[in-house]
Each structure stands twice: as structure tokens, then as C-alpha cells.
Amino acid sequence: MRRVVYLGRHLMLKSKYLDKLSNGRFTTIRLGIVRPRYREVFIHSGGAVVAKARIVNVSYKRISDLTDDDAVMDGFTSRQVLIDELRRIYDDVSDDDWVTILMLEVTRMIGYRDDDSVGLSPVDIARFALRYNVPMNEEERRILQELINEGSIRRAAIKLFGSFKGRVIIRRIVRRALKHLVNMGVLNDH
């Protein structure tokens, strides 16, 4: 089987594998040919965003070519234990199937810090707010979309309001979106 899957900005990780994040650098092996569209991804687990990571390497192998080293890098004790887990997750898996080995480096754990921030940029919060349909009106959605397009509050304020003084309005919308994301359980509050 040679299924091709495109990976966007969001990567799901089962909660039983969350301890991998503490190593800073880890791999995850996925069935099929996974082609990342972005170098940075958000890691989701248990319905919440738990980390931001950078993809540092992507390699492809057939299941028959996986090694004990591949398994250990992915947190398993042996090649056979890894293959058994792939079969449990994906059901119909053969030795001829392709897998993708994604090596990631955690760039930021996400959760509340002492300064009440969540370690996310306003652009990241805007992306999550739109992705998870945070309750807001069309004007607020348009402002968050412009923030994403421009990549900064200052540039978005100048484009939307003709002056950087519009930053106050954008920040207020981002703060409200963040509160909703936490209340919805999308972002951890620990």
C-alpha cells in the first residue's frame, strides 16, 4: 500500500506517547507516505494542543526494512513491538507497506506559564481560534484572518486600521479568543 497523506500544521499524538516530548527530540512513525506542508507543527493530544515542534527530518521505509534502532528511537523496545503497535493502530498492515519516520524537535511546550501566557504567538492563537470555531462575529474573524495573513499585530493594524494604534483592538480580540480556547479545552491550563 502506498497511500500519500499531506500533513498540515497539526499532528495528533496519543496521550500514551506524550512522554516522548520531554526528550526534546523524538520520532513518530506513520503508515503511508506523509508529506509535511510546513516545517513547524502543533502537537495535539487528548483534545488539547500540548506542544509546538519543528520537523527536522523525514524518511521513508517499507515496514519490512524497519530496524530495532527505528523502534527504539520511536520509544519501543524492539522492531516487533513497533510493528505490532502499527498493526493495532492501522489494522491492515503488510511488510510491503510504506511508513514515514518523522523526526521532530519540540520548540515549545504549551500550557499556562507563570506570566499567564500560553507560550503562543498572537498569530498562533488566531490560527487556533479560526480552526476550532471560537465564538466570535464575522468582523472579529476577518481581523484574526488578517493577523494570520500579515504575520504580526503591527502589520495587521496598519492594513486594517491605517495606523498601528489598531493594535489595541487586535490584542483584545486575541485575548478573548485565547480565553475561549482554554475554556473549550483546546489549550491546556496547566
Protein backbone atom coordinates (compact mmCIF):
# COMPACT_ATOMS: atom_id res chain seq x y z
CA MET A 1 0.00 0.00 0.00
CA ARG A 2 1.36 3.41 -0.90
CA ARG A 3 -1.10 5.88 0.50
CA VAL A 4 0.01 9.52 0.42
CA VAL A 5 -1.12 11.84 3.22
CA TYR A 6 -0.35 15.53 3.46
CA LEU A 7 0.43 16.79 6.94
CA GLY A 8 -0.72 20.31 7.73
CA ARG A 9 0.15 22.29 10.86
CA HIS A 10 -1.43 19.81 13.27
CA LEU A 11 -0.08 16.42 14.33
CA MET A 12 -2.05 14.12 16.61
CA LEU A 13 -0.21 12.10 19.24
CA LYS A 14 -1.88 9.55 21.51
CA SER A 15 -1.60 10.53 25.15
CA LYS A 16 0.30 7.35 25.98
CA TYR A 17 3.17 8.69 23.84
CA LEU A 18 3.35 12.16 25.44
CA ASP A 19 6.41 11.27 27.48
CA LYS A 20 8.39 11.40 24.20
CA LEU A 21 8.04 15.19 24.23
CA SER A 22 10.22 15.53 27.31
CA ASN A 23 13.23 14.26 25.35
CA GLY A 24 13.15 17.39 23.19
CA ARG A 25 13.73 15.38 20.01
CA PHE A 26 11.63 12.37 19.08
CA THR A 27 10.30 10.37 16.16
CA THR A 28 6.85 9.25 15.20
CA ILE A 29 6.26 6.55 12.61
CA ARG A 30 3.14 6.86 10.48
CA LEU A 31 1.68 4.44 7.94
CA GLY A 32 1.94 5.63 4.35
CA ILE A 33 3.87 8.40 2.69
CA VAL A 34 3.38 11.52 4.81
CA ARG A 35 4.38 14.76 3.12
CA PRO A 36 4.59 17.70 5.54
CA ARG A 37 3.39 21.03 4.16
CA TYR A 38 5.02 23.03 6.97
CA ARG A 39 8.22 22.76 8.93
CA GLU A 40 6.55 23.76 12.22
CA VAL A 41 3.59 21.81 13.60
CA PHE A 42 1.40 21.84 16.68
CA ILE A 43 1.12 18.59 18.57
CA HIS A 44 -2.37 17.70 19.79
CA SER A 45 -3.16 15.07 22.39
CA GLY A 46 -6.27 14.32 24.38
CA GLY A 47 -8.18 17.06 22.57
CA ALA A 48 -5.68 19.78 23.52
CA VAL A 49 -2.65 21.44 22.00
CA VAL A 50 0.36 20.34 24.04
CA ALA A 51 3.44 21.47 22.12
CA LYS A 52 4.90 23.19 19.11
CA ALA A 53 7.60 21.30 17.21
CA ARG A 54 9.84 21.60 14.18
CA ILE A 55 10.16 18.74 11.71
CA VAL A 56 13.90 18.16 11.36
CA ASN A 57 13.90 15.04 9.20
CA VAL A 58 11.52 12.93 7.12
CA SER A 59 12.42 9.48 5.86
CA TYR A 60 10.50 6.64 4.22
CA LYS A 61 10.87 2.88 4.63
CA ARG A 62 8.93 -0.25 3.99
CA ILE A 63 7.73 -1.98 7.14
CA SER A 64 10.00 -4.91 6.27
CA ASP A 65 13.00 -2.53 6.40
CA LEU A 66 12.30 -1.13 9.88
CA THR A 67 15.05 -1.86 12.41
CA ASP A 68 15.33 -2.19 16.16
CA ASP A 69 17.06 1.24 16.09
CA ASP A 70 13.99 2.76 14.39
CA ALA A 71 11.79 1.19 17.07
CA VAL A 72 13.92 2.41 19.98
CA MET A 73 14.05 5.95 18.53
CA ASP A 74 10.24 5.85 18.45
CA GLY A 75 10.01 4.71 22.08
CA PHE A 76 9.50 0.98 21.56
CA THR A 77 11.63 -1.87 22.90
CA SER A 78 12.01 -3.69 19.60
CA ARG A 79 11.12 -3.72 15.92
CA GLN A 80 8.49 -6.40 16.55
CA VAL A 81 6.76 -4.39 19.31
CA LEU A 82 6.66 -1.37 16.95
CA ILE A 83 5.18 -3.44 14.10
CA ASP A 84 2.59 -4.95 16.46
CA GLU A 85 1.57 -1.42 17.51
CA LEU A 86 1.33 -0.27 13.87
CA ARG A 87 -0.93 -3.26 13.15
CA ARG A 88 -3.06 -2.45 16.21
CA ILE A 89 -3.47 1.19 15.14
CA TYR A 90 -3.88 0.76 11.37
CA ASP A 91 -5.38 -2.79 11.18
CA ASP A 92 -4.42 -3.94 7.67
CA VAL A 93 -0.63 -3.59 7.54
CA SER A 94 1.74 -5.68 5.44
CA ASP A 95 5.54 -5.87 5.25
CA ASP A 96 5.41 -4.15 1.84
CA ASP A 97 3.59 -1.08 3.15
CA TRP A 98 5.48 2.21 3.37
CA VAL A 99 5.87 4.16 6.58
CA THR A 100 7.10 7.67 7.20
CA ILE A 101 9.52 8.39 10.02
CA LEU A 102 9.11 11.98 11.17
CA MET A 103 11.83 13.33 13.44
CA LEU A 104 10.64 16.32 15.44
CA GLU A 105 12.22 18.75 17.83
CA VAL A 106 9.99 20.31 20.48
CA THR A 107 10.37 24.07 20.28
CA ARG A 108 7.80 24.96 22.94
CA MET A 109 5.62 23.15 25.43
CA ILE A 110 2.21 24.75 25.51
CA GLY A 111 0.32 25.43 28.72
CA TYR A 112 -0.03 28.34 31.10
CA ARG A 113 3.21 29.76 32.42
CA ASP A 114 3.74 31.94 35.46
CA ASP A 115 3.17 35.10 33.39
CA ASP A 116 -0.34 33.89 32.34
CA SER A 117 0.74 33.45 28.73
CA VAL A 118 0.45 30.12 26.98
CA GLY A 119 3.67 30.35 25.03
CA LEU A 120 1.88 31.01 21.75
CA SER A 121 2.21 33.99 19.48
CA PRO A 122 -0.89 36.06 18.64
CA VAL A 123 -0.76 34.59 15.11
CA ASP A 124 -0.82 31.05 16.54
CA ILE A 125 -3.76 31.91 18.79
CA ALA A 126 -5.61 33.37 15.78
CA ARG A 127 -4.99 30.15 13.81
CA PHE A 128 -6.39 28.04 16.63
CA ALA A 129 -9.37 30.34 17.13
CA LEU A 130 -10.36 30.01 13.47
CA ARG A 131 -9.61 26.28 13.30
CA TYR A 132 -11.69 25.50 16.39
CA ASN A 133 -14.52 27.93 15.57
CA VAL A 134 -14.20 30.06 18.67
CA PRO A 135 -17.44 32.04 19.13
CA MET A 136 -16.99 35.47 17.55
CA ASN A 137 -18.60 37.71 14.98
CA GLU A 138 -17.60 38.00 11.32
CA GLU A 139 -15.62 41.20 11.88
CA GLU A 140 -13.51 39.54 14.57
CA ARG A 141 -12.94 36.55 12.27
CA ARG A 142 -11.84 38.90 9.50
CA ILE A 143 -9.42 40.65 11.86
CA LEU A 144 -7.91 37.34 13.03
CA GLN A 145 -7.57 36.17 9.42
CA GLU A 146 -5.76 39.39 8.55
CA LEU A 147 -3.47 38.88 11.55
CA ILE A 148 -2.58 35.45 10.18
CA ASN A 149 -2.06 36.83 6.66
CA GLU A 150 0.17 39.69 7.82
CA GLY A 151 2.08 37.70 10.45
CA SER A 152 2.15 40.43 13.09
CA ILE A 153 -0.23 42.61 15.08
CA ARG A 154 1.51 45.78 13.94
CA ARG A 155 1.26 44.98 10.21
CA ALA A 156 -2.34 43.80 10.57
CA ALA A 157 -3.27 47.00 12.45
CA ILE A 158 -1.76 49.19 9.74
CA LYS A 159 -3.54 47.24 6.99
CA LEU A 160 -6.91 47.10 8.79
CA PHE A 161 -6.98 50.48 10.56
CA GLY A 162 -4.41 52.54 8.68
CA SER A 163 -2.39 53.01 11.88
CA PHE A 164 -0.55 50.89 14.40
CA LYS A 165 -2.96 52.24 17.03
CA GLY A 166 -5.40 49.49 15.96
CA ARG A 167 -3.15 47.05 17.83
CA VAL A 168 -5.29 47.53 20.95
CA ILE A 169 -8.37 46.20 19.16
CA ILE A 170 -6.50 43.21 17.73
CA ARG A 171 -4.93 42.33 21.10
CA ARG A 172 -8.35 42.45 22.77
CA ILE A 173 -9.78 40.02 20.19
CA VAL A 174 -6.77 37.70 20.57
CA ARG A 175 -7.14 37.69 24.38
CA ARG A 176 -10.85 36.84 24.09
CA ALA A 177 -10.03 34.06 21.61
CA LEU A 178 -7.41 32.67 23.98
CA LYS A 179 -9.91 32.57 26.87
CA HIS A 180 -12.37 30.68 24.69
CA LEU A 181 -9.67 28.21 23.58
CA VAL A 182 -8.78 27.48 27.21
CA ASN A 183 -12.45 27.17 28.23
CA MET A 184 -13.07 24.84 25.29
CA GLY A 185 -10.16 22.68 26.46
CA VAL A 186 -8.18 23.19 23.23
CA LEU A 187 -5.27 24.66 25.18
CA ASN A 188 -4.11 23.17 28.45
CA ASP A 189 -4.33 25.36 31.50
CA HIS A 190 -1.53 23.71 33.47
